Amino acid sequence: MPLTAGPRIAALLGGAVGLVWLLACLALWGLQEHLIFFPDPRVLTATGPFRPVTIGPGLVALATPTASGGPTADGAVLLYLHGNGGNAADRAGLLRPLAEAGHGVLIAGYRGYGGNPGRPTQAGLEEDAETQLGWLRRAWPGRPVVLVGESLGTYLAMWLAAAHPDAVAGVVLDAPFTSLRELAGERFPLVPVRLLLRHPFDTLALAPRVAAPVRVLHGAGDGLIPPAMGARVAAAVPNPAGFTLVEGAGHPVGGQGGVMAMRQAIAAMLAGAPESDGAEGDGTGAHEVGGHEVGDHGTGARGPWQDHR
């Protein structure tokens, strides 16, 4: 029996919606690397105290000179694992005071970023993170290593800390997510992201395996990664060093309104002691509210998927 006009139209609309959904799934499967990674391919050059260094075959990063001294020349060294956008040079301003104080600092270079060949993937960035840590330990042998992860780089910091518990003295995370699968699933609830995503970046699964103290900072105005995710990561580690909700900061904290908060948290971890929660008179306006430290460090936010400056 032929369909009347109404059911025919409904069938056509249903077919069109189904086709659009299928195309969305195919696009996510085929183009997901373009939705996750936003590399700046410009070749790295000298920036302030940082110089380009070849840390492995086809992999260049930014570092302070290995022979530099300073008031903390015998102290901890820092590996900064940045997020999914820009390149290492974009983070030089945040870390410059720490380098000028005498700390050895390596700002990670990834494949596809900063003039490095290749295309970023989860497995590729894990390999690059291993290369960074190996270079850092050879450049400054015997020094305690502090890892700082920013956004997507928080997964890499936790991955390294879980894999090398004897090499990592502390971890500072700026805007961590529980997993990219969960984050993407919340943003695209009508698409089976959890099944289609090739790069899960599951930070929460790593958290129980990290022995080093872990300090977490999250911008209260983060429009990309919900602060509740950062709190869940902080609650899952065996050795928590505090969760700081930075009022007025966006995503990431160190680039969007919370520079001083990030510098102080990193400096405290480098000094061997986590920054005390609820400290008075530290110049950040921080105070403890409901077990979380908050402060007022400016404003800022970023759009979906992208965290670069």
Protein backbone atom coordinates (compact mmCIF):
# COMPACT_ATOMS: atom_id res chain seq x y z
CA MET A 1 0.00 0.00 0.00
CA PRO A 2 1.64 3.31 -1.03
CA LEU A 3 2.58 5.77 1.66
CA THR A 4 0.60 8.97 1.91
CA ALA A 5 2.38 12.33 1.77
CA GLY A 6 2.82 12.64 5.55
CA PRO A 7 4.54 9.31 6.15
CA ARG A 8 6.65 9.75 3.00
CA ILE A 9 7.92 13.08 4.26
CA ALA A 10 8.63 11.59 7.69
CA ALA A 11 10.53 8.72 6.09
CA LEU A 12 12.56 11.11 3.98
CA LEU A 13 13.37 13.28 6.97
CA GLY A 14 14.34 10.23 9.00
CA GLY A 15 16.60 9.05 6.21
CA ALA A 16 18.19 12.49 5.92
CA VAL A 17 18.83 12.64 9.67
CA GLY A 18 20.34 9.17 9.56
CA LEU A 19 22.57 10.13 6.65
CA VAL A 20 23.76 13.27 8.45
CA TRP A 21 24.52 11.21 11.58
CA LEU A 22 26.46 8.67 9.53
CA LEU A 23 28.44 11.40 7.79
CA ALA A 24 29.24 12.96 11.18
CA CYS A 25 30.53 9.62 12.43
CA LEU A 26 32.66 9.14 9.31
CA ALA A 27 34.03 12.68 9.59
CA LEU A 28 34.96 12.14 13.25
CA TRP A 29 36.68 8.87 12.42
CA GLY A 30 38.60 10.26 9.46
CA LEU A 31 39.36 13.79 10.66
CA GLN A 32 39.74 13.39 14.40
CA GLU A 33 43.44 14.27 14.39
CA HIS A 34 42.49 17.66 12.93
CA LEU A 35 39.98 18.13 15.76
CA ILE A 36 42.44 17.19 18.50
CA PHE A 37 45.81 18.60 17.45
CA PHE A 38 46.45 22.21 16.43
CA PRO A 39 50.23 22.37 15.87
CA ASP A 40 52.11 25.54 15.04
CA PRO A 41 54.72 24.30 12.53
CA ARG A 42 56.98 27.37 12.73
CA VAL A 43 60.58 26.38 13.43
CA LEU A 44 61.70 27.00 17.01
CA THR A 45 64.25 29.78 17.53
CA ALA A 46 66.00 31.25 20.56
CA THR A 47 63.48 32.83 22.95
CA GLY A 48 64.77 34.62 26.05
CA PRO A 49 66.90 32.16 28.05
CA PHE A 50 65.75 29.21 25.93
CA ARG A 51 67.61 27.76 22.97
CA PRO A 52 66.57 25.13 20.41
CA VAL A 53 68.08 21.75 21.24
CA THR A 54 67.97 18.50 19.30
CA ILE A 55 66.83 15.91 21.82
CA GLY A 56 66.34 13.01 19.45
CA PRO A 57 66.20 12.12 15.74
CA GLY A 58 64.04 14.74 14.07
CA LEU A 59 62.91 16.20 17.41
CA VAL A 60 63.77 19.74 18.54
CA ALA A 61 62.64 21.37 21.79
CA LEU A 62 63.54 24.50 23.78
CA ALA A 63 65.85 24.34 26.80
CA THR A 64 68.01 26.44 29.03
CA PRO A 65 71.73 25.92 28.43
CA THR A 66 72.85 22.78 30.25
CA ALA A 67 75.95 24.52 31.56
CA SER A 68 74.08 27.44 33.12
CA GLY A 69 74.39 28.01 36.83
CA GLY A 70 72.30 30.02 39.24
CA PRO A 71 71.02 30.07 42.80
CA THR A 72 69.28 26.70 42.35
CA ALA A 73 71.78 25.16 39.93
CA ASP A 74 71.95 21.96 42.01
CA GLY A 75 68.18 21.68 42.49
CA ALA A 76 65.30 20.16 40.58
CA VAL A 77 64.86 20.48 36.83
CA LEU A 78 61.64 20.96 34.94
CA LEU A 79 60.02 19.30 31.92
CA TYR A 80 57.04 21.27 30.58
CA LEU A 81 54.65 19.25 28.42
CA HIS A 82 52.41 21.71 26.63
CA GLY A 83 48.93 21.26 25.24
CA ASN A 84 47.50 20.52 21.82
CA GLY A 85 48.02 23.91 20.21
CA GLY A 86 50.87 26.25 19.34
CA ASN A 87 54.41 25.11 20.09
CA ALA A 88 57.08 25.28 22.76
CA ALA A 89 57.88 28.96 22.12
CA ASP A 90 54.40 29.99 23.27
CA ARG A 91 55.20 28.79 26.80
CA ALA A 92 58.57 30.55 27.16
CA GLY A 93 57.08 33.62 28.82
CA LEU A 94 55.44 31.59 31.57
CA LEU A 95 58.64 29.71 32.39
CA ARG A 96 61.22 32.45 31.88
CA PRO A 97 61.41 33.54 35.57
CA LEU A 98 62.04 29.94 36.63
CA ALA A 99 64.82 29.58 34.07
CA GLU A 100 66.35 32.89 35.12
CA ALA A 101 66.30 31.69 38.74
CA GLY A 102 68.73 28.95 37.71
CA HIS A 103 66.48 25.95 37.13
CA GLY A 104 67.13 23.66 34.22
CA VAL A 105 64.03 23.84 32.02
CA LEU A 106 63.04 21.83 28.95
CA ILE A 107 59.92 22.87 27.05
CA ALA A 108 58.78 19.84 25.09
CA GLY A 109 58.84 19.62 21.34
CA TYR A 110 56.42 17.22 19.63
CA ARG A 111 56.25 15.71 16.16
CA GLY A 112 54.39 18.08 13.86
CA TYR A 113 55.00 21.03 16.19
CA GLY A 114 57.73 23.68 16.05
CA GLY A 115 59.12 22.54 12.70
CA ASN A 116 59.47 18.89 13.77
CA PRO A 117 58.53 16.33 11.10
CA GLY A 118 55.70 13.87 11.47
CA ARG A 119 52.07 13.97 12.55
CA PRO A 120 50.89 13.93 16.17
CA THR A 121 49.06 10.91 17.58
CA GLN A 122 48.67 9.65 21.12
CA ALA A 123 51.29 6.94 20.62
CA GLY A 124 53.62 9.39 18.88
CA LEU A 125 53.37 11.98 21.65
CA GLU A 126 53.99 9.30 24.28
CA GLU A 127 57.17 8.36 22.43
CA ASP A 128 58.19 12.03 22.20
CA ALA A 129 57.56 12.51 25.93
CA GLU A 130 59.85 9.55 26.67
CA THR A 131 62.52 11.16 24.52
CA GLN A 132 62.19 14.47 26.40
CA LEU A 133 62.58 12.80 29.79
CA GLY A 134 65.57 10.80 28.64
CA TRP A 135 67.30 13.91 27.31
CA LEU A 136 66.55 15.86 30.49
CA ARG A 137 68.05 13.16 32.70
CA ARG A 138 71.18 12.99 30.55
CA ALA A 139 71.54 16.79 30.42
CA TRP A 140 71.23 17.23 34.20
CA PRO A 141 72.14 13.82 35.68
CA GLY A 142 71.17 13.15 39.26
CA ARG A 143 68.72 16.05 39.50
CA PRO A 144 65.15 15.58 40.72
CA VAL A 145 62.69 15.98 37.83
CA VAL A 146 59.42 17.88 38.09
CA LEU A 147 56.87 17.38 35.31
CA VAL A 148 54.40 20.10 34.39
CA GLY A 149 51.54 19.20 32.08
CA GLU A 150 49.19 21.64 30.38
CA SER A 151 45.80 20.47 29.09
CA LEU A 152 46.57 17.59 26.69
CA GLY A 153 50.08 17.59 28.15
CA THR A 154 48.64 16.63 31.55
CA TYR A 155 48.05 13.15 30.16
CA LEU A 156 51.68 12.96 29.01
CA ALA A 157 52.94 14.13 32.40
CA MET A 158 50.91 11.47 34.18
CA TRP A 159 51.95 8.85 31.64
CA LEU A 160 55.63 9.58 32.27
CA ALA A 161 55.17 9.72 36.05
CA ALA A 162 53.41 6.35 36.04
CA ALA A 163 56.07 4.78 33.81
CA HIS A 164 59.07 6.25 35.68
CA PRO A 165 58.21 6.49 39.38
CA ASP A 166 61.86 6.59 40.43
CA ALA A 167 62.70 9.44 38.07
CA VAL A 168 59.87 11.88 38.82
CA ALA A 169 59.91 13.93 42.02
CA GLY A 170 56.68 15.84 41.48
CA VAL A 171 53.91 16.66 39.01
CA VAL A 172 51.96 19.88 38.42
CA LEU A 173 48.88 19.70 36.20
CA ASP A 174 47.23 22.68 34.52
CA ALA A 175 43.63 21.86 33.53
CA PRO A 176 43.66 18.06 33.33
CA PHE A 177 40.80 16.05 31.88
CA THR A 178 39.72 12.59 33.00
CA SER A 179 39.95 11.21 29.46
CA LEU A 180 39.53 12.62 26.00
CA ARG A 181 36.85 10.00 25.36
CA GLU A 182 34.76 11.30 28.25
CA LEU A 183 35.37 14.95 27.39
CA ALA A 184 34.46 14.46 23.74
CA GLY A 185 31.47 12.33 24.68
CA GLU A 186 30.08 15.17 26.77
CA ARG A 187 30.53 17.65 23.93
CA PHE A 188 29.10 15.40 21.23
CA PRO A 189 26.47 13.28 22.99
CA LEU A 190 24.69 12.23 19.78
CA VAL A 191 27.80 10.68 18.23
CA PRO A 192 29.39 7.44 19.56
CA VAL A 193 32.66 9.21 20.30
CA ARG A 194 33.84 6.57 22.76
CA LEU A 195 33.76 3.97 20.00
CA LEU A 196 35.23 6.14 17.26
CA LEU A 197 38.08 7.89 19.07
CA ARG A 198 41.52 6.44 18.30
CA HIS A 199 43.27 8.61 20.89
CA PRO A 200 41.57 8.12 24.29
CA PHE A 201 44.21 9.95 26.41
CA ASP A 202 42.86 8.34 29.60
CA THR A 203 44.45 10.36 32.41
CA LEU A 204 42.16 9.04 35.14
CA ALA A 205 43.26 5.45 34.49
CA LEU A 206 46.89 6.50 35.06
CA ALA A 207 46.25 8.44 38.28
CA PRO A 208 46.40 5.51 40.76
CA ARG A 209 49.80 4.48 39.34
CA VAL A 210 51.51 7.85 39.97
CA ALA A 211 53.59 7.75 43.15
CA ALA A 212 54.93 11.33 43.00
CA PRO A 213 53.05 14.21 44.63
CA VAL A 214 50.56 15.73 42.18
CA ARG A 215 49.36 19.32 42.33
CA VAL A 216 46.34 20.26 40.16
CA LEU A 217 45.29 23.76 39.09
CA HIS A 218 42.14 24.51 37.13
CA GLY A 219 40.63 27.78 35.95
CA ALA A 220 37.17 28.46 37.37
CA GLY A 221 36.27 29.96 33.99
CA ASP A 222 37.61 27.06 31.92
CA GLY A 223 35.24 26.75 28.98
CA LEU A 224 36.97 23.72 27.48
CA ILE A 225 37.61 21.25 30.31
CA PRO A 226 35.19 21.28 33.26
CA PRO A 227 36.97 21.99 36.58
CA ALA A 228 35.14 18.95 37.99
CA MET A 229 37.36 16.79 35.79
CA GLY A 230 40.46 18.32 37.31
CA ALA A 231 39.07 17.68 40.77
CA ARG A 232 38.43 14.02 39.90
CA VAL A 233 42.02 13.58 38.72
CA ALA A 234 43.32 15.24 41.90
CA ALA A 235 41.18 12.94 44.03
CA ALA A 236 42.39 9.81 42.23
CA VAL A 237 46.14 10.14 42.83
CA PRO A 238 47.73 8.34 45.83
CA ASN A 239 49.84 11.36 46.82
CA PRO A 240 47.73 14.51 46.26
CA ALA A 241 49.46 17.85 46.76
CA GLY A 242 46.33 19.99 46.42
CA PHE A 243 43.64 21.08 43.99
CA THR A 244 43.55 24.78 43.20
CA LEU A 245 40.51 26.35 41.56
CA VAL A 246 41.78 29.66 40.22
CA GLU A 247 39.02 32.24 40.08
CA GLY A 248 39.11 34.43 36.97
CA ALA A 249 41.36 32.05 35.05
CA GLY A 250 40.34 30.27 31.87
CA HIS A 251 42.05 27.56 29.85
CA PRO A 252 44.84 26.90 30.49
CA VAL A 253 45.54 28.55 33.84
CA GLY A 254 49.11 29.46 32.87
CA GLY A 255 48.01 31.21 29.69
CA GLN A 256 44.60 32.54 30.62
CA GLY A 257 44.62 34.67 33.74
CA GLY A 258 46.57 32.51 36.19
CA VAL A 259 50.24 33.02 35.33
CA MET A 260 51.29 33.87 38.88
CA ALA A 261 49.36 30.93 40.33
CA MET A 262 51.08 28.54 37.93
CA ARG A 263 54.54 29.97 38.52
CA GLN A 264 54.13 29.71 42.27
CA ALA A 265 52.84 26.13 42.11
CA ILE A 266 55.72 25.07 39.85
CA ALA A 267 58.32 26.88 41.96
CA ALA A 268 56.98 25.24 45.13
CA MET A 269 57.17 21.78 43.58
CA LEU A 270 60.69 22.50 42.31
CA ALA A 271 61.68 23.52 45.83
CA GLY A 272 60.59 20.10 47.05
CA ALA A 273 57.44 21.07 48.92
CA PRO A 274 53.94 21.57 47.54
CA GLU A 275 52.55 25.07 47.90
CA SER A 276 50.53 25.15 51.11
CA ASP A 277 46.80 25.49 50.66
CA GLY A 278 45.12 28.55 52.06
CA ALA A 279 48.37 30.52 52.40
CA GLU A 280 48.00 34.16 53.32
CA GLY A 281 49.95 37.02 51.78
CA ASP A 282 51.39 35.12 48.80
CA GLY A 283 50.52 37.84 46.33
CA THR A 284 47.89 35.80 44.47
CA GLY A 285 44.78 36.57 46.47
CA ALA A 286 44.40 32.83 47.06
CA HIS A 287 42.32 31.45 49.90
CA GLU A 288 40.73 28.13 50.81
CA VAL A 289 37.06 27.57 50.11
CA GLY A 290 35.46 24.17 50.64
CA GLY A 291 38.84 22.42 50.67
CA HIS A 292 39.92 24.03 47.40
CA GLU A 293 42.25 26.96 47.01
CA VAL A 294 40.93 29.78 44.86
CA GLY A 295 42.36 33.06 43.69
CA ASP A 296 41.75 36.01 41.40
CA HIS A 297 44.23 36.02 38.56
CA GLY A 298 42.50 37.75 35.67
CA THR A 299 40.19 36.47 32.98
CA GLY A 300 40.25 34.38 29.85
CA ALA A 301 38.74 31.41 28.06
CA ARG A 302 39.32 29.25 25.01
CA GLY A 303 37.05 27.66 22.49
CA PRO A 304 36.41 23.93 22.14
CA TRP A 305 39.29 21.52 21.41
CA GLN A 306 41.92 24.25 21.19
CA ASP A 307 44.09 25.48 24.07
CA HIS A 308 46.90 27.36 22.37
CA ARG A 309 47.58 31.01 23.02
